[in-house]
């Protein structure tokens, strides 16, 4: 298994940061555009387009034209790290709520 150095500030950290940022902009933009009305729908479309622009631009910049970054490897490992963090946080919040509700 190939490992990545997530704290490499030049490429890996910035790649994870920008791709996560763009992914969540796309998700929140789509949610807002679908469920919103009027002005909030326009804001949702703007968030959606902004997320796509940032993600595609950084993927193009950091992907095949830059040999310092293995973009697919970074994305796959980032998904694993984010999934582990979400599961850990959900377990802690669940335990907290269970303790609070039982007391």
PDB file of N, CA and C in Angstrom:
ATOM      1  N   UNK A   1       0.841  -1.178   0.000  1.00  0.00           N
ATOM      2  CA  UNK A   1       0.000   0.000   0.000  1.00  0.00           C
ATOM      3  C   UNK A   1       0.891   1.248   0.000  1.00  0.00           C
ATOM      4  N   UNK A   2       0.574   2.163  -0.855  1.00  0.00           N
ATOM      5  CA  UNK A   2       1.318   3.406  -0.943  1.00  0.00           C
ATOM      6  C   UNK A   2       0.795   4.377   0.110  1.00  0.00           C
ATOM      7  N   UNK A   3       1.708   5.037   0.792  1.00  0.00           N
ATOM      8  CA  UNK A   3       1.295   6.010   1.792  1.00  0.00           C
ATOM      9  C   UNK A   3       1.502   7.414   1.256  1.00  0.00           C
ATOM     10  N   UNK A   4       0.792   8.345   1.829  1.00  0.00           N
ATOM     11  CA  UNK A   4       0.955   9.744   1.455  1.00  0.00           C
ATOM     12  C   UNK A   4       1.382  10.530   2.676  1.00  0.00           C
ATOM     13  N   UNK A   5       2.064  11.603   2.428  1.00  0.00           N
ATOM     14  CA  UNK A   5       2.464  12.508   3.505  1.00  0.00           C
ATOM     15  C   UNK A   5       1.466  13.655   3.527  1.00  0.00           C
ATOM     16  N   UNK A   6       0.438  13.525   4.375  1.00  0.00           N
ATOM     17  CA  UNK A   6      -0.652  14.502   4.375  1.00  0.00           C
ATOM     18  C   UNK A   6      -0.179  15.888   4.785  1.00  0.00           C
ATOM     19  N   UNK A   7       0.901  15.972   5.550  1.00  0.00           N
ATOM     20  CA  UNK A   7       1.359  17.270   6.022  1.00  0.00           C
ATOM     21  C   UNK A   7       2.310  17.943   5.052  1.00  0.00           C
ATOM     22  N   UNK A   8       2.507  17.351   3.885  1.00  0.00           N
ATOM     23  CA  UNK A   8       3.297  18.011   2.855  1.00  0.00           C
ATOM     24  C   UNK A   8       2.521  19.254   2.420  1.00  0.00           C
ATOM     25  N   UNK A   9       2.953  20.444   2.867  1.00  0.00           N
ATOM     26  CA  UNK A   9       2.129  21.638   2.654  1.00  0.00           C
ATOM     27  C   UNK A   9       2.041  22.072   1.208  1.00  0.00           C
ATOM     28  N   UNK A  10       2.949  21.599   0.396  1.00  0.00           N
ATOM     29  CA  UNK A  10       2.960  22.082  -0.973  1.00  0.00           C
ATOM     30  C   UNK A  10       1.807  21.491  -1.770  1.00  0.00           C
ATOM     31  N   UNK A  11       1.608  20.193  -1.704  1.00  0.00           N
ATOM     32  CA  UNK A  11       0.596  19.613  -2.572  1.00  0.00           C
ATOM     33  C   UNK A  11      -0.465  18.786  -1.848  1.00  0.00           C
ATOM     34  N   UNK A  12      -0.075  17.836  -1.018  1.00  0.00           N
ATOM     35  CA  UNK A  12      -1.058  16.909  -0.461  1.00  0.00           C
ATOM     36  C   UNK A  12      -2.071  17.602   0.438  1.00  0.00           C
ATOM     37  N   UNK A  13      -1.596  18.421   1.377  1.00  0.00           N
ATOM     38  CA  UNK A  13      -2.505  19.100   2.299  1.00  0.00           C
ATOM     39  C   UNK A  13      -3.447  20.027   1.543  1.00  0.00           C
ATOM     40  N   UNK A  14      -2.902  20.796   0.612  1.00  0.00           N
ATOM     41  CA  UNK A  14      -3.720  21.733  -0.153  1.00  0.00           C
ATOM     42  C   UNK A  14      -4.693  20.979  -1.048  1.00  0.00           C
ATOM     43  N   UNK A  15      -4.271  19.853  -1.615  1.00  0.00           N
ATOM     44  CA  UNK A  15      -5.162  19.052  -2.451  1.00  0.00           C
ATOM     45  C   UNK A  15      -6.332  18.530  -1.647  1.00  0.00           C
ATOM     46  N   UNK A  16      -6.075  17.960  -0.483  1.00  0.00           N
ATOM     47  CA  UNK A  16      -7.144  17.450   0.367  1.00  0.00           C
ATOM     48  C   UNK A  16      -8.063  18.588   0.799  1.00  0.00           C
ATOM     49  N   UNK A  17      -7.478  19.701   1.193  1.00  0.00           N
ATOM     50  CA  UNK A  17      -8.266  20.851   1.643  1.00  0.00           C
ATOM     51  C   UNK A  17      -9.189  21.360   0.533  1.00  0.00           C
ATOM     52  N   UNK A  18      -8.643  21.591  -0.646  1.00  0.00           N
ATOM     53  CA  UNK A  18      -9.445  22.169  -1.732  1.00  0.00           C
ATOM     54  C   UNK A  18     -10.465  21.185  -2.293  1.00  0.00           C
ATOM     55  N   UNK A  19     -10.115  19.917  -2.408  1.00  0.00           N
ATOM     56  CA  UNK A  19     -11.079  18.958  -2.928  1.00  0.00           C
ATOM     57  C   UNK A  19     -12.207  18.699  -1.933  1.00  0.00           C
ATOM     58  N   UNK A  20     -11.906  18.690  -0.634  1.00  0.00           N
ATOM     59  CA  UNK A  20     -12.965  18.560   0.367  1.00  0.00           C
ATOM     60  C   UNK A  20     -13.846  19.796   0.376  1.00  0.00           C
ATOM     61  N   UNK A  21     -13.218  20.970   0.291  1.00  0.00           N
ATOM     62  CA  UNK A  21     -13.959  22.226   0.218  1.00  0.00           C
ATOM     63  C   UNK A  21     -14.901  22.228  -0.979  1.00  0.00           C
ATOM     64  N   UNK A  22     -14.393  21.839  -2.138  1.00  0.00           N
ATOM     65  CA  UNK A  22     -15.230  21.860  -3.336  1.00  0.00           C
ATOM     66  C   UNK A  22     -16.333  20.807  -3.259  1.00  0.00           C
ATOM     67  N   UNK A  23     -16.043  19.637  -2.695  1.00  0.00           N
ATOM     68  CA  UNK A  23     -17.066  18.604  -2.561  1.00  0.00           C
ATOM     69  C   UNK A  23     -18.223  19.084  -1.688  1.00  0.00           C
ATOM     70  N   UNK A  24     -17.900  19.698  -0.554  1.00  0.00           N
ATOM     71  CA  UNK A  24     -18.960  20.165   0.334  1.00  0.00           C
ATOM     72  C   UNK A  24     -19.691  21.375  -0.239  1.00  0.00           C
ATOM     73  N   UNK A  25     -19.010  22.204  -1.029  1.00  0.00           N
ATOM     74  CA  UNK A  25     -19.713  23.281  -1.733  1.00  0.00           C
ATOM     75  C   UNK A  25     -20.711  22.719  -2.731  1.00  0.00           C
ATOM     76  N   UNK A  26     -20.320  21.686  -3.454  1.00  0.00           N
ATOM     77  CA  UNK A  26     -21.225  21.051  -4.413  1.00  0.00           C
ATOM     78  C   UNK A  26     -22.423  20.445  -3.691  1.00  0.00           C
ATOM     79  N   UNK A  27     -22.181  19.740  -2.596  1.00  0.00           N
ATOM     80  CA  UNK A  27     -23.276  19.099  -1.854  1.00  0.00           C
ATOM     81  C   UNK A  27     -24.231  20.139  -1.280  1.00  0.00           C
ATOM     82  N   UNK A  28     -23.694  21.152  -0.594  1.00  0.00           N
ATOM     83  CA  UNK A  28     -24.564  22.166  -0.003  1.00  0.00           C
ATOM     84  C   UNK A  28     -25.242  23.020  -1.073  1.00  0.00           C
ATOM     85  N   UNK A  29     -24.533  23.288  -2.167  1.00  0.00           N
ATOM     86  CA  UNK A  29     -25.132  24.046  -3.264  1.00  0.00           C
ATOM     87  C   UNK A  29     -26.284  23.294  -3.904  1.00  0.00           C
ATOM     88  N   UNK A  30     -26.106  21.998  -4.144  1.00  0.00           N
ATOM     89  CA  UNK A  30     -27.182  21.194  -4.728  1.00  0.00           C
ATOM     90  C   UNK A  30     -28.375  21.123  -3.780  1.00  0.00           C
ATOM     91  N   UNK A  31     -28.109  20.949  -2.499  1.00  0.00           N
ATOM     92  CA  UNK A  31     -29.178  20.897  -1.495  1.00  0.00           C
ATOM     93  C   UNK A  31     -29.948  22.212  -1.463  1.00  0.00           C
ATOM     94  N   UNK A  32     -29.218  23.329  -1.438  1.00  0.00           N
ATOM     95  CA  UNK A  32     -29.856  24.641  -1.381  1.00  0.00           C
ATOM     96  C   UNK A  32     -30.599  24.959  -2.669  1.00  0.00           C
ATOM     97  N   UNK A  33     -30.018  24.610  -3.805  1.00  0.00           N
ATOM     98  CA  UNK A  33     -30.677  24.881  -5.088  1.00  0.00           C
ATOM     99  C   UNK A  33     -31.943  24.049  -5.247  1.00  0.00           C
ATOM    100  N   UNK A  34     -31.935  22.833  -4.742  1.00  0.00           N
ATOM    101  CA  UNK A  34     -33.105  21.961  -4.894  1.00  0.00           C
ATOM    102  C   UNK A  34     -34.226  22.346  -3.934  1.00  0.00           C
ATOM    103  N   UNK A  35     -33.889  22.573  -2.668  1.00  0.00           N
ATOM    104  CA  UNK A  35     -34.908  22.826  -1.660  1.00  0.00           C
ATOM    105  C   UNK A  35     -35.192  24.310  -1.443  1.00  0.00           C
ATOM    106  N   UNK A  36     -34.321  25.184  -1.920  1.00  0.00           N
ATOM    107  CA  UNK A  36     -34.515  26.615  -1.706  1.00  0.00           C
ATOM    108  C   UNK A  36     -35.516  27.212  -2.672  1.00  0.00           C
ATOM    109  N   UNK A  37     -35.800  28.476  -2.449  1.00  0.00           N
ATOM    110  CA  UNK A  37     -36.690  29.190  -3.361  1.00  0.00           C
ATOM    111  C   UNK A  37     -36.198  30.625  -3.488  1.00  0.00           C
ATOM    112  N   UNK A  38     -36.375  31.181  -4.668  1.00  0.00           N
ATOM    113  CA  UNK A  38     -36.004  32.572  -4.887  1.00  0.00           C
ATOM    114  C   UNK A  38     -34.518  32.815  -4.770  1.00  0.00           C
ATOM    115  N   UNK A  39     -34.168  33.721  -3.878  1.00  0.00           N
ATOM    116  CA  UNK A  39     -32.776  34.134  -3.718  1.00  0.00           C
ATOM    117  C   UNK A  39     -31.893  32.991  -3.225  1.00  0.00           C
ATOM    118  N   UNK A  40     -32.396  32.169  -2.308  1.00  0.00           N
ATOM    119  CA  UNK A  40     -31.576  31.073  -1.797  1.00  0.00           C
ATOM    120  C   UNK A  40     -31.301  30.027  -2.875  1.00  0.00           C
ATOM    121  N   UNK A  41     -32.211  29.859  -3.816  1.00  0.00           N
ATOM    122  CA  UNK A  41     -31.962  28.938  -4.931  1.00  0.00           C
ATOM    123  C   UNK A  41     -30.812  29.447  -5.798  1.00  0.00           C
ATOM    124  N   UNK A  42     -30.773  30.758  -6.022  1.00  0.00           N
ATOM    125  CA  UNK A  42     -29.676  31.342  -6.806  1.00  0.00           C
ATOM    126  C   UNK A  42     -28.349  31.200  -6.067  1.00  0.00           C
ATOM    127  N   UNK A  43     -28.376  31.384  -4.761  1.00  0.00           N
ATOM    128  CA  UNK A  43     -27.162  31.208  -3.962  1.00  0.00           C
ATOM    129  C   UNK A  43     -26.702  29.753  -4.037  1.00  0.00           C
ATOM    130  N   UNK A  44     -27.639  28.816  -3.982  1.00  0.00           N
ATOM    131  CA  UNK A  44     -27.310  27.397  -4.094  1.00  0.00           C
ATOM    132  C   UNK A  44     -26.656  27.063  -5.422  1.00  0.00           C
ATOM    133  N   UNK A  45     -27.172  27.636  -6.496  1.00  0.00           N
ATOM    134  CA  UNK A  45     -26.568  27.411  -7.813  1.00  0.00           C
ATOM    135  C   UNK A  45     -25.155  27.996  -7.845  1.00  0.00           C
ATOM    136  N   UNK A  46     -24.975  29.166  -7.233  1.00  0.00           N
ATOM    137  CA  UNK A  46     -23.644  29.764  -7.162  1.00  0.00           C
ATOM    138  C   UNK A  46     -22.666  28.899  -6.386  1.00  0.00           C
ATOM    139  N   UNK A  47     -23.117  28.343  -5.263  1.00  0.00           N
ATOM    140  CA  UNK A  47     -22.266  27.434  -4.487  1.00  0.00           C
ATOM    141  C   UNK A  47     -21.919  26.185  -5.287  1.00  0.00           C
ATOM    142  N   UNK A  48     -22.907  25.651  -5.981  1.00  0.00           N
ATOM    143  CA  UNK A  48     -22.697  24.458  -6.796  1.00  0.00           C
ATOM    144  C   UNK A  48     -21.672  24.705  -7.887  1.00  0.00           C
ATOM    145  N   UNK A  49     -21.842  25.803  -8.611  1.00  0.00           N
ATOM    146  CA  UNK A  49     -20.913  26.141  -9.695  1.00  0.00           C
ATOM    147  C   UNK A  49     -19.526  26.453  -9.124  1.00  0.00           C
ATOM    148  N   UNK A  50     -19.468  27.185  -8.021  1.00  0.00           N
ATOM    149  CA  UNK A  50     -18.187  27.504  -7.401  1.00  0.00           C
ATOM    150  C   UNK A  50     -17.441  26.247  -6.967  1.00  0.00           C
ATOM    151  N   UNK A  51     -18.156  25.301  -6.381  1.00  0.00           N
ATOM    152  CA  UNK A  51     -17.533  24.041  -5.975  1.00  0.00           C
ATOM    153  C   UNK A  51     -17.010  23.250  -7.159  1.00  0.00           C
ATOM    154  N   UNK A  52     -17.787  23.225  -8.238  1.00  0.00           N
ATOM    155  CA  UNK A  52     -17.334  22.529  -9.439  1.00  0.00           C
ATOM    156  C   UNK A  52     -16.098  23.190 -10.039  1.00  0.00           C
ATOM    157  N   UNK A  53     -16.098  24.517 -10.074  1.00  0.00           N
ATOM    158  CA  UNK A  53     -14.954  25.238 -10.646  1.00  0.00           C
ATOM    159  C   UNK A  53     -13.699  24.978  -9.827  1.00  0.00           C
ATOM    160  N   UNK A  54     -13.798  25.093  -8.499  1.00  0.00           N
ATOM    161  CA  UNK A  54     -12.629  24.869  -7.636  1.00  0.00           C
ATOM    162  C   UNK A  54     -12.138  23.426  -7.775  1.00  0.00           C
ATOM    163  N   UNK A  55     -13.047  22.466  -7.734  1.00  0.00           N
ATOM    164  CA  UNK A  55     -12.650  21.060  -7.819  1.00  0.00           C
ATOM    165  C   UNK A  55     -12.031  20.690  -9.150  1.00  0.00           C
ATOM    166  N   UNK A  56     -12.655  21.125 -10.231  1.00  0.00           N
ATOM    167  CA  UNK A  56     -12.125  20.805 -11.563  1.00  0.00           C
ATOM    168  C   UNK A  56     -10.798  21.512 -11.796  1.00  0.00           C
ATOM    169  N   UNK A  57     -10.700  22.782 -11.394  1.00  0.00           N
ATOM    170  CA  UNK A  57      -9.454  23.517 -11.578  1.00  0.00           C
ATOM    171  C   UNK A  57      -8.314  22.861 -10.806  1.00  0.00           C
ATOM    172  N   UNK A  58      -8.542  22.526  -9.536  1.00  0.00           N
ATOM    173  CA  UNK A  58      -7.469  21.937  -8.755  1.00  0.00           C
ATOM    174  C   UNK A  58      -7.148  20.526  -9.228  1.00  0.00           C
ATOM    175  N   UNK A  59      -8.162  19.760  -9.619  1.00  0.00           N
ATOM    176  CA  UNK A  59      -7.903  18.431 -10.171  1.00  0.00           C
ATOM    177  C   UNK A  59      -7.090  18.506 -11.449  1.00  0.00           C
ATOM    178  N   UNK A  60      -7.366  19.496 -12.266  1.00  0.00           N
ATOM    179  CA  UNK A  60      -6.611  19.694 -13.504  1.00  0.00           C
ATOM    180  C   UNK A  60      -5.193  20.146 -13.188  1.00  0.00           C
ATOM    181  N   UNK A  61      -5.066  21.064 -12.245  1.00  0.00           N
ATOM    182  CA  UNK A  61      -3.752  21.587 -11.881  1.00  0.00           C
ATOM    183  C   UNK A  61      -2.890  20.538 -11.185  1.00  0.00           C
ATOM    184  N   UNK A  62      -3.469  19.809 -10.249  1.00  0.00           N
ATOM    185  CA  UNK A  62      -2.698  18.883  -9.424  1.00  0.00           C
ATOM    186  C   UNK A  62      -2.659  17.478  -9.993  1.00  0.00           C
ATOM    187  N   UNK A  63      -3.462  17.195 -10.981  1.00  0.00           N
ATOM    188  CA  UNK A  63      -3.565  15.835 -11.498  1.00  0.00           C
ATOM    189  C   UNK A  63      -2.484  15.445 -12.486  1.00  0.00           C
ATOM    190  N   UNK A  64      -2.856  15.249 -13.725  1.00  0.00           N
ATOM    191  CA  UNK A  64      -1.922  14.680 -14.697  1.00  0.00           C
ATOM    192  C   UNK A  64      -0.768  15.599 -15.077  1.00  0.00           C
ATOM    193  N   UNK A  65      -0.888  16.891 -14.821  1.00  0.00           N
ATOM    194  CA  UNK A  65       0.154  17.821 -15.228  1.00  0.00           C
ATOM    195  C   UNK A  65       1.191  18.084 -14.144  1.00  0.00           C
ATOM    196  N   UNK A  66       1.017  17.475 -12.991  1.00  0.00           N
ATOM    197  CA  UNK A  66       1.943  17.686 -11.886  1.00  0.00           C
ATOM    198  C   UNK A  66       2.384  16.318 -11.370  1.00  0.00           C
ATOM    199  N   UNK A  67       3.641  16.000 -11.506  1.00  0.00           N
ATOM    200  CA  UNK A  67       4.125  14.671 -11.123  1.00  0.00           C
ATOM    201  C   UNK A  67       4.328  14.537  -9.612  1.00  0.00           C
ATOM    202  N   UNK A  68       4.206  15.637  -8.847  1.00  0.00           N
ATOM    203  CA  UNK A  68       4.389  15.570  -7.395  1.00  0.00           C
ATOM    204  C   UNK A  68       3.194  14.950  -6.685  1.00  0.00           C
ATOM    205  N   UNK A  69       2.052  14.874  -7.362  1.00  0.00           N
ATOM    206  CA  UNK A  69       0.820  14.446  -6.709  1.00  0.00           C
ATOM    207  C   UNK A  69       0.235  13.242  -7.425  1.00  0.00           C
ATOM    208  N   UNK A  70      -0.084  12.207  -6.648  1.00  0.00           N
ATOM    209  CA  UNK A  70      -0.851  11.081  -7.158  1.00  0.00           C
ATOM    210  C   UNK A  70      -2.295  11.326  -6.718  1.00  0.00           C
ATOM    211  N   UNK A  71      -3.055  12.017  -7.553  1.00  0.00           N
ATOM    212  CA  UNK A  71      -4.380  12.516  -7.182  1.00  0.00           C
ATOM    213  C   UNK A  71      -5.333  11.402  -6.773  1.00  0.00           C
ATOM    214  N   UNK A  72      -5.355  10.303  -7.503  1.00  0.00           N
ATOM    215  CA  UNK A  72      -6.259   9.197  -7.183  1.00  0.00           C
ATOM    216  C   UNK A  72      -5.919   8.614  -5.812  1.00  0.00           C
ATOM    217  N   UNK A  73      -4.633   8.434  -5.542  1.00  0.00           N
ATOM    218  CA  UNK A  73      -4.206   7.902  -4.256  1.00  0.00           C
ATOM    219  C   UNK A  73      -4.603   8.836  -3.112  1.00  0.00           C
ATOM    220  N   UNK A  74      -4.428  10.129  -3.311  1.00  0.00           N
ATOM    221  CA  UNK A  74      -4.795  11.097  -2.276  1.00  0.00           C
ATOM    222  C   UNK A  74      -6.294  11.070  -2.021  1.00  0.00           C
ATOM    223  N   UNK A  75      -7.089  11.020  -3.075  1.00  0.00           N
ATOM    224  CA  UNK A  75      -8.551  11.013  -2.920  1.00  0.00           C
ATOM    225  C   UNK A  75      -9.001   9.754  -2.179  1.00  0.00           C
ATOM    226  N   UNK A  76      -8.483   8.600  -2.583  1.00  0.00           N
ATOM    227  CA  UNK A  76      -8.885   7.342  -1.942  1.00  0.00           C
ATOM    228  C   UNK A  76      -8.498   7.343  -0.460  1.00  0.00           C
ATOM    229  N   UNK A  77      -7.282   7.760  -0.150  1.00  0.00           N
ATOM    230  CA  UNK A  77      -6.858   7.764   1.244  1.00  0.00           C
ATOM    231  C   UNK A  77      -7.601   8.832   2.046  1.00  0.00           C
ATOM    232  N   UNK A  78      -7.936   9.949   1.427  1.00  0.00           N
ATOM    233  CA  UNK A  78      -8.687  11.001   2.119  1.00  0.00           C
ATOM    234  C   UNK A  78     -10.084  10.518   2.485  1.00  0.00           C
ATOM    235  N   UNK A  79     -10.707   9.794   1.578  1.00  0.00           N
ATOM    236  CA  UNK A  79     -12.042   9.257   1.866  1.00  0.00           C
ATOM    237  C   UNK A  79     -11.969   8.317   3.065  1.00  0.00           C
ATOM    238  N   UNK A  80     -10.927   7.490   3.130  1.00  0.00           N
ATOM    239  CA  UNK A  80     -10.762   6.598   4.274  1.00  0.00           C
ATOM    240  C   UNK A  80     -10.578   7.347   5.579  1.00  0.00           C
ATOM    241  N   UNK A  81      -9.770   8.396   5.546  1.00  0.00           N
ATOM    242  CA  UNK A  81      -9.527   9.193   6.758  1.00  0.00           C
ATOM    243  C   UNK A  81     -10.803   9.903   7.192  1.00  0.00           C
ATOM    244  N   UNK A  82     -11.515  10.515   6.247  1.00  0.00           N
ATOM    245  CA  UNK A  82     -12.758  11.223   6.580  1.00  0.00           C
ATOM    246  C   UNK A  82     -13.806  10.249   7.107  1.00  0.00           C
ATOM    247  N   UNK A  83     -13.914   9.079   6.496  1.00  0.00           N
ATOM    248  CA  UNK A  83     -14.867   8.070   6.952  1.00  0.00           C
ATOM    249  C   UNK A  83     -14.543   7.621   8.378  1.00  0.00           C
ATOM    250  N   UNK A  84     -13.274   7.382   8.662  1.00  0.00           N
ATOM    251  CA  UNK A  84     -12.879   6.984  10.016  1.00  0.00           C
ATOM    252  C   UNK A  84     -13.197   8.088  11.021  1.00  0.00           C
ATOM    253  N   UNK A  85     -12.960   9.349  10.643  1.00  0.00           N
ATOM    254  CA  UNK A  85     -13.251  10.472  11.547  1.00  0.00           C
ATOM    255  C   UNK A  85     -14.748  10.591  11.807  1.00  0.00           C
ATOM    256  N   UNK A  86     -15.554  10.428  10.776  1.00  0.00           N
ATOM    257  CA  UNK A  86     -17.010  10.532  10.935  1.00  0.00           C
ATOM    258  C   UNK A  86     -17.531   9.396  11.816  1.00  0.00           C
ATOM    259  N   UNK A  87     -17.040   8.184  11.619  1.00  0.00           N
ATOM    260  CA  UNK A  87     -17.477   7.049  12.438  1.00  0.00           C
ATOM    261  C   UNK A  87     -17.073   7.268  13.903  1.00  0.00           C
ATOM    262  N   UNK A  88     -15.856   7.729  14.122  1.00  0.00           N
ATOM    263  CA  UNK A  88     -15.410   8.007  15.488  1.00  0.00           C
ATOM    264  C   UNK A  88     -16.225   9.102  16.152  1.00  0.00           C
ATOM    265  N   UNK A  89     -16.495  10.166  15.406  1.00  0.00           N
ATOM    266  CA  UNK A  89     -17.291  11.273  15.954  1.00  0.00           C
ATOM    267  C   UNK A  89     -18.721  10.818  16.236  1.00  0.00           C
ATOM    268  N   UNK A  90     -19.311  10.048  15.331  1.00  0.00           N
ATOM    269  CA  UNK A  90     -20.679   9.564  15.535  1.00  0.00           C
ATOM    270  C   UNK A  90     -20.761   8.654  16.754  1.00  0.00           C
ATOM    271  N   UNK A  91     -19.757   7.802  16.939  1.00  0.00           N
ATOM    272  CA  UNK A  91     -19.746   6.924  18.113  1.00  0.00           C
ATOM    273  C   UNK A  91     -19.627   7.732  19.398  1.00  0.00           C
ATOM    274  N   UNK A  92     -18.781   8.751  19.403  1.00  0.00           N
ATOM    275  CA  UNK A  92     -18.624   9.587  20.599  1.00  0.00           C
ATOM    276  C   UNK A  92     -19.900  10.370  20.894  1.00  0.00           C
ATOM    277  N   UNK A  93     -20.520  10.926  19.869  1.00  0.00           N
ATOM    278  CA  UNK A  93     -21.767  11.672  20.063  1.00  0.00           C
ATOM    279  C   UNK A  93     -22.878  10.738  20.527  1.00  0.00           C
ATOM    280  N   UNK A  94     -22.936   9.543  19.951  1.00  0.00           N
ATOM    281  CA  UNK A  94     -23.935   8.566  20.387  1.00  0.00           C
ATOM    282  C   UNK A  94     -23.759   8.166  21.836  1.00  0.00           C
ATOM    283  N   UNK A  95     -22.520   7.939  22.249  1.00  0.00           N
ATOM    284  CA  UNK A  95     -22.238   7.595  23.647  1.00  0.00           C
ATOM    285  C   UNK A  95     -22.596   8.754  24.569  1.00  0.00           C
ATOM    286  N   UNK A  96     -22.266   9.981  24.139  1.00  0.00           N
ATOM    287  CA  UNK A  96     -22.610  11.167  24.913  1.00  0.00           C
ATOM    288  C   UNK A  96     -24.125  11.273  25.091  1.00  0.00           C
ATOM    289  N   UNK A  97     -24.875  11.141  24.003  1.00  0.00           N
ATOM    290  CA  UNK A  97     -26.339  11.238  24.096  1.00  0.00           C
ATOM    291  C   UNK A  97     -26.932  10.125  24.937  1.00  0.00           C
ATOM    292  N   UNK A  98     -26.399   8.925  24.813  1.00  0.00           N
ATOM    293  CA  UNK A  98     -26.872   7.818  25.634  1.00  0.00           C
ATOM    294  C   UNK A  98     -26.634   8.109  27.116  1.00  0.00           C
ATOM    295  N   UNK A  99     -25.456   8.616  27.461  1.00  0.00           N
ATOM    296  CA  UNK A  99     -25.142   8.920  28.856  1.00  0.00           C
ATOM    297  C   UNK A  99     -26.026  10.031  29.394  1.00  0.00           C
ATOM    298  N   UNK A 100     -26.263  11.068  28.572  1.00  0.00           N
ATOM    299  CA  UNK A 100     -27.087  12.196  29.000  1.00  0.00           C
ATOM    300  C   UNK A 100     -28.548  11.779  29.170  1.00  0.00           C
ATOM    301  N   UNK A 101     -29.056  10.979  28.237  1.00  0.00           N
ATOM    302  CA  UNK A 101     -30.471  10.612  28.290  1.00  0.00           C
ATOM    303  C   UNK A 101     -30.756   9.610  29.403  1.00  0.00           C
ATOM    304  N   UNK A 102     -29.772   8.833  29.794  1.00  0.00           N
ATOM    305  CA  UNK A 102     -29.973   7.842  30.862  1.00  0.00           C
ATOM    306  C   UNK A 102     -29.829   8.464  32.246  1.00  0.00           C
ATOM    307  N   UNK A 103     -29.235   9.654  32.336  1.00  0.00           N
ATOM    308  CA  UNK A 103     -29.033  10.250  33.667  1.00  0.00           C
ATOM    309  C   UNK A 103     -30.177  11.125  34.066  1.00  0.00           C
TER     310      UNK A 103
END
